Amino acid sequence: MTGDPDFLRKSMTGLELPWNPVEQRRFALLLRSASLLNRVLPPVVRAFPFNILLRDVERLMRSGRALV
């Protein structure tokens, strides 16, 4: 039952994180807002910063320089 939120909370008892219905609603609103924002952003912005890092790696490979 790893998809059960109560199972997750019980397995994290050592952290003693407070969680109540108000915080649950706030968290759900945050996730819905992030989901909506992700749908309306252009793909190039959604891919940031991965696209910038990928270009840098490609540039380094073309020049023959070390990646690390």
N, C-alpha and C. Protein backbone atom coordinates (compact mmCIF):
# COMPACT_ATOMS: atom_id res chain seq x y z
N MET A 1 0.81 -1.20 0.00
CA MET A 1 0.00 0.00 0.00
C MET A 1 0.86 1.27 0.00
N THR A 2 1.85 1.34 -0.85
CA THR A 2 2.75 2.50 -0.85
C THR A 2 2.07 3.75 -1.37
N GLY A 3 0.93 3.64 -2.05
CA GLY A 3 0.22 4.82 -2.54
C GLY A 3 -0.66 5.44 -1.49
N ASP A 4 -0.77 4.82 -0.33
CA ASP A 4 -1.62 5.30 0.75
C ASP A 4 -0.89 6.40 1.52
N PRO A 5 -1.47 7.61 1.61
CA PRO A 5 -0.79 8.70 2.32
C PRO A 5 -0.55 8.39 3.80
N ASP A 6 -1.48 7.66 4.44
CA ASP A 6 -1.28 7.32 5.84
C ASP A 6 -0.09 6.39 6.02
N PHE A 7 0.09 5.47 5.09
CA PHE A 7 1.24 4.57 5.13
C PHE A 7 2.54 5.38 5.07
N LEU A 8 2.58 6.36 4.19
CA LEU A 8 3.77 7.20 4.06
C LEU A 8 4.01 7.99 5.33
N ARG A 9 2.96 8.57 5.88
CA ARG A 9 3.12 9.34 7.12
C ARG A 9 3.62 8.47 8.26
N LYS A 10 3.08 7.24 8.37
CA LYS A 10 3.50 6.35 9.44
C LYS A 10 4.96 5.91 9.26
N SER A 11 5.40 5.78 8.02
CA SER A 11 6.78 5.36 7.79
C SER A 11 7.77 6.50 8.04
N MET A 12 7.28 7.71 8.16
CA MET A 12 8.14 8.87 8.40
C MET A 12 7.95 9.40 9.82
N THR A 13 7.63 8.52 10.77
CA THR A 13 7.34 8.97 12.13
C THR A 13 8.52 9.65 12.80
N GLY A 14 9.73 9.30 12.45
CA GLY A 14 10.89 9.91 13.06
C GLY A 14 11.04 11.38 12.72
N LEU A 15 10.45 11.82 11.63
CA LEU A 15 10.58 13.22 11.23
C LEU A 15 9.65 14.14 12.01
N GLU A 16 8.55 13.57 12.52
CA GLU A 16 7.58 14.34 13.30
C GLU A 16 7.13 15.61 12.56
N LEU A 17 6.74 15.47 11.30
CA LEU A 17 6.26 16.60 10.53
C LEU A 17 4.78 16.84 10.81
N PRO A 18 4.41 18.06 11.20
CA PRO A 18 3.00 18.34 11.44
C PRO A 18 2.25 18.42 10.10
N TRP A 19 1.07 17.84 10.06
CA TRP A 19 0.28 17.87 8.82
C TRP A 19 -1.18 17.85 9.22
N ASN A 20 -1.92 18.83 8.77
CA ASN A 20 -3.34 18.90 9.11
C ASN A 20 -4.13 19.17 7.84
N PRO A 21 -5.45 19.16 7.91
CA PRO A 21 -6.27 19.37 6.70
C PRO A 21 -6.01 20.71 6.00
N VAL A 22 -5.71 21.75 6.76
CA VAL A 22 -5.42 23.06 6.15
C VAL A 22 -4.15 22.98 5.32
N GLU A 23 -3.12 22.36 5.88
CA GLU A 23 -1.88 22.22 5.12
C GLU A 23 -2.06 21.30 3.92
N GLN A 24 -2.91 20.29 4.03
CA GLN A 24 -3.17 19.41 2.91
C GLN A 24 -3.83 20.17 1.77
N ARG A 25 -4.82 21.02 2.10
CA ARG A 25 -5.49 21.83 1.06
C ARG A 25 -4.50 22.80 0.42
N ARG A 26 -3.64 23.40 1.24
CA ARG A 26 -2.63 24.34 0.73
C ARG A 26 -1.67 23.63 -0.22
N PHE A 27 -1.25 22.42 0.16
CA PHE A 27 -0.34 21.63 -0.67
C PHE A 27 -1.02 21.23 -1.99
N ALA A 28 -2.28 20.80 -1.92
CA ALA A 28 -3.03 20.44 -3.12
C ALA A 28 -3.17 21.65 -4.05
N LEU A 29 -3.43 22.82 -3.49
CA LEU A 29 -3.53 24.04 -4.30
C LEU A 29 -2.20 24.36 -4.96
N LEU A 30 -1.11 24.19 -4.23
CA LEU A 30 0.22 24.42 -4.80
C LEU A 30 0.47 23.50 -5.99
N LEU A 31 0.14 22.22 -5.84
CA LEU A 31 0.35 21.27 -6.94
C LEU A 31 -0.54 21.58 -8.14
N ARG A 32 -1.78 21.95 -7.90
CA ARG A 32 -2.67 22.32 -9.01
C ARG A 32 -2.15 23.56 -9.73
N SER A 33 -1.67 24.54 -8.97
CA SER A 33 -1.13 25.77 -9.56
C SER A 33 0.12 25.48 -10.39
N ALA A 34 1.00 24.64 -9.86
CA ALA A 34 2.22 24.27 -10.60
C ALA A 34 1.87 23.52 -11.87
N SER A 35 0.86 22.67 -11.81
CA SER A 35 0.43 21.92 -12.98
C SER A 35 -0.11 22.86 -14.06
N LEU A 36 -0.93 23.81 -13.65
CA LEU A 36 -1.48 24.78 -14.60
C LEU A 36 -0.36 25.61 -15.22
N LEU A 37 0.56 26.08 -14.39
CA LEU A 37 1.68 26.87 -14.90
C LEU A 37 2.52 26.07 -15.89
N ASN A 38 2.74 24.81 -15.59
CA ASN A 38 3.53 23.95 -16.47
C ASN A 38 2.85 23.79 -17.83
N ARG A 39 1.52 23.75 -17.85
CA ARG A 39 0.81 23.59 -19.12
C ARG A 39 0.84 24.85 -19.99
N VAL A 40 0.91 26.02 -19.37
CA VAL A 40 0.86 27.25 -20.16
C VAL A 40 2.23 27.80 -20.55
N LEU A 41 3.29 27.33 -19.89
CA LEU A 41 4.63 27.80 -20.24
C LEU A 41 5.08 27.23 -21.58
N PRO A 42 5.84 28.01 -22.35
CA PRO A 42 6.40 27.47 -23.59
C PRO A 42 7.38 26.34 -23.30
N PRO A 43 7.49 25.39 -24.21
CA PRO A 43 8.37 24.24 -23.97
C PRO A 43 9.81 24.61 -23.63
N VAL A 44 10.35 25.65 -24.24
CA VAL A 44 11.74 26.02 -23.98
C VAL A 44 11.90 26.48 -22.53
N VAL A 45 10.91 27.12 -21.97
CA VAL A 45 10.98 27.56 -20.57
C VAL A 45 10.82 26.36 -19.64
N ARG A 46 9.94 25.43 -19.99
CA ARG A 46 9.75 24.23 -19.16
C ARG A 46 11.03 23.41 -19.09
N ALA A 47 11.81 23.40 -20.16
CA ALA A 47 13.03 22.59 -20.22
C ALA A 47 14.21 23.25 -19.50
N PHE A 48 14.10 24.53 -19.17
CA PHE A 48 15.19 25.24 -18.49
C PHE A 48 15.37 24.65 -17.10
N PRO A 49 16.54 24.44 -16.60
CA PRO A 49 17.87 24.74 -17.12
C PRO A 49 18.50 23.56 -17.87
N PHE A 50 17.76 22.45 -18.02
CA PHE A 50 18.33 21.28 -18.68
C PHE A 50 18.82 21.62 -20.08
N ASN A 51 18.05 22.42 -20.83
CA ASN A 51 18.46 22.74 -22.20
C ASN A 51 19.77 23.53 -22.23
N ILE A 52 20.00 24.39 -21.27
CA ILE A 52 21.25 25.16 -21.21
C ILE A 52 22.42 24.23 -20.88
N LEU A 53 22.22 23.34 -19.92
CA LEU A 53 23.28 22.40 -19.56
C LEU A 53 23.62 21.48 -20.72
N LEU A 54 22.61 21.04 -21.46
CA LEU A 54 22.84 20.17 -22.61
C LEU A 54 23.65 20.89 -23.69
N ARG A 55 23.34 22.14 -23.95
CA ARG A 55 24.12 22.91 -24.92
C ARG A 55 25.57 23.04 -24.48
N ASP A 56 25.79 23.25 -23.19
CA ASP A 56 27.15 23.38 -22.69
C ASP A 56 27.92 22.08 -22.86
N VAL A 57 27.29 20.95 -22.58
CA VAL A 57 27.95 19.65 -22.75
C VAL A 57 28.27 19.42 -24.22
N GLU A 58 27.33 19.74 -25.10
CA GLU A 58 27.58 19.58 -26.54
C GLU A 58 28.74 20.45 -26.99
N ARG A 59 28.81 21.67 -26.47
CA ARG A 59 29.91 22.59 -26.83
C ARG A 59 31.24 22.02 -26.35
N LEU A 60 31.27 21.50 -25.14
CA LEU A 60 32.51 20.94 -24.61
C LEU A 60 32.93 19.71 -25.40
N MET A 61 31.97 18.87 -25.80
CA MET A 61 32.31 17.68 -26.57
C MET A 61 32.86 18.06 -27.94
N ARG A 62 32.26 19.08 -28.57
CA ARG A 62 32.77 19.50 -29.89
C ARG A 62 34.18 20.04 -29.80
N SER A 63 34.48 20.73 -28.71
CA SER A 63 35.81 21.33 -28.57
C SER A 63 36.84 20.32 -28.05
N GLY A 64 36.38 19.13 -27.63
CA GLY A 64 37.30 18.11 -27.14
C GLY A 64 37.75 18.31 -25.71
N ARG A 65 37.13 19.26 -25.01
CA ARG A 65 37.51 19.51 -23.63
C ARG A 65 36.81 18.53 -22.69
N ALA A 66 37.35 18.41 -21.49
CA ALA A 66 36.79 17.50 -20.49
C ALA A 66 35.42 17.99 -20.04
N LEU A 67 34.54 17.04 -19.77
CA LEU A 67 33.19 17.40 -19.32
C LEU A 67 33.15 17.74 -17.84
N VAL A 68 34.12 17.24 -17.09
CA VAL A 68 34.14 17.54 -15.65
C VAL A 68 35.43 18.23 -15.27
